[in-house]
Amino acid sequence: MRVVVDELRCDAHGVCAATCPEVFALEDDDDVVRVLNDHPDESLRASLQEAVQGCPKAAITLEE
């Protein structure tokens, strides 16, 4: 699985970073979320799906 963030859609709300900090990071001066690991372990799938669903801008996708 691969995590993709559409930087044009991301408004840095930080929902994903709060939901799955193993994969996403957002610092105070960031304009978009940073992906720390774009090929995370399968054990993180549930929290990643929660981050995808919780993103208010629908900027995150998971590719198989």
Protein backbone atom coordinates (compact mmCIF):
# COMPACT_ATOMS: atom_id res chain seq x y z
CA MET A 1 0.00 0.00 0.00
CA ARG A 2 1.15 3.53 -0.77
CA VAL A 3 0.01 6.76 0.90
CA VAL A 4 -0.50 9.77 -1.36
CA VAL A 5 -1.35 13.32 -0.25
CA ASP A 6 -2.62 15.78 -2.84
CA GLU A 7 -0.70 18.89 -1.83
CA LEU A 8 -3.04 21.12 -3.83
CA ARG A 9 -6.03 19.95 -1.79
CA CYS A 10 -4.36 19.71 1.63
CA ASP A 11 -5.13 22.66 3.93
CA ALA A 12 -3.06 21.32 6.86
CA HIS A 13 -5.99 20.65 9.19
CA GLY A 14 -3.89 17.96 10.90
CA VAL A 15 -6.60 15.33 11.33
CA CYS A 16 -4.38 12.72 9.66
CA ALA A 17 -1.36 13.56 11.84
CA ALA A 18 -3.50 13.19 14.96
CA THR A 19 -5.03 9.93 13.70
CA CYS A 20 -1.87 8.26 12.38
CA PRO A 21 1.31 10.02 13.62
CA GLU A 22 3.42 7.08 12.47
CA VAL A 23 2.77 8.14 8.87
CA PHE A 24 1.83 11.85 8.91
CA ALA A 25 3.43 14.92 10.48
CA LEU A 26 2.34 18.52 10.68
CA GLU A 27 4.41 21.23 12.31
CA ASP A 28 3.13 24.71 13.13
CA ASP A 29 4.86 26.25 10.12
CA ASP A 30 3.85 23.55 7.60
CA ASP A 31 1.43 24.48 4.80
CA VAL A 32 0.67 20.84 4.00
CA VAL A 33 0.98 17.60 5.89
CA ARG A 34 4.21 15.64 5.46
CA VAL A 35 4.16 11.92 4.76
CA LEU A 36 6.84 10.28 6.91
CA ASN A 37 6.45 6.83 5.38
CA ASP A 38 4.68 6.49 2.04
CA HIS A 39 4.79 2.66 2.18
CA PRO A 40 3.68 1.95 5.76
CA ASP A 41 3.27 -1.43 7.36
CA GLU A 42 -0.03 -3.22 6.81
CA SER A 43 -0.68 -3.07 10.57
CA LEU A 44 -1.43 0.65 10.17
CA ARG A 45 -4.18 0.15 7.59
CA ALA A 46 -7.08 0.76 10.00
CA SER A 47 -5.71 4.07 11.28
CA LEU A 48 -4.77 5.10 7.74
CA GLN A 49 -8.30 4.45 6.53
CA GLU A 50 -9.58 6.53 9.43
CA ALA A 51 -7.21 9.34 8.39
CA VAL A 52 -8.43 9.12 4.78
CA GLN A 53 -12.07 9.27 5.85
CA GLY A 54 -11.42 12.05 8.36
CA CYS A 55 -9.58 14.36 5.99
CA PRO A 56 -11.87 17.38 5.53
CA LYS A 57 -10.40 18.11 2.08
CA ALA A 58 -10.27 14.48 0.84
CA ALA A 59 -6.57 15.00 0.11
CA ILE A 60 -5.34 11.53 1.10
CA THR A 61 -5.57 8.33 -0.91
CA LEU A 62 -4.29 4.82 -0.37
CA GLU A 63 -3.05 3.03 -3.47
CA GLU A 64 -2.62 -0.73 -3.60
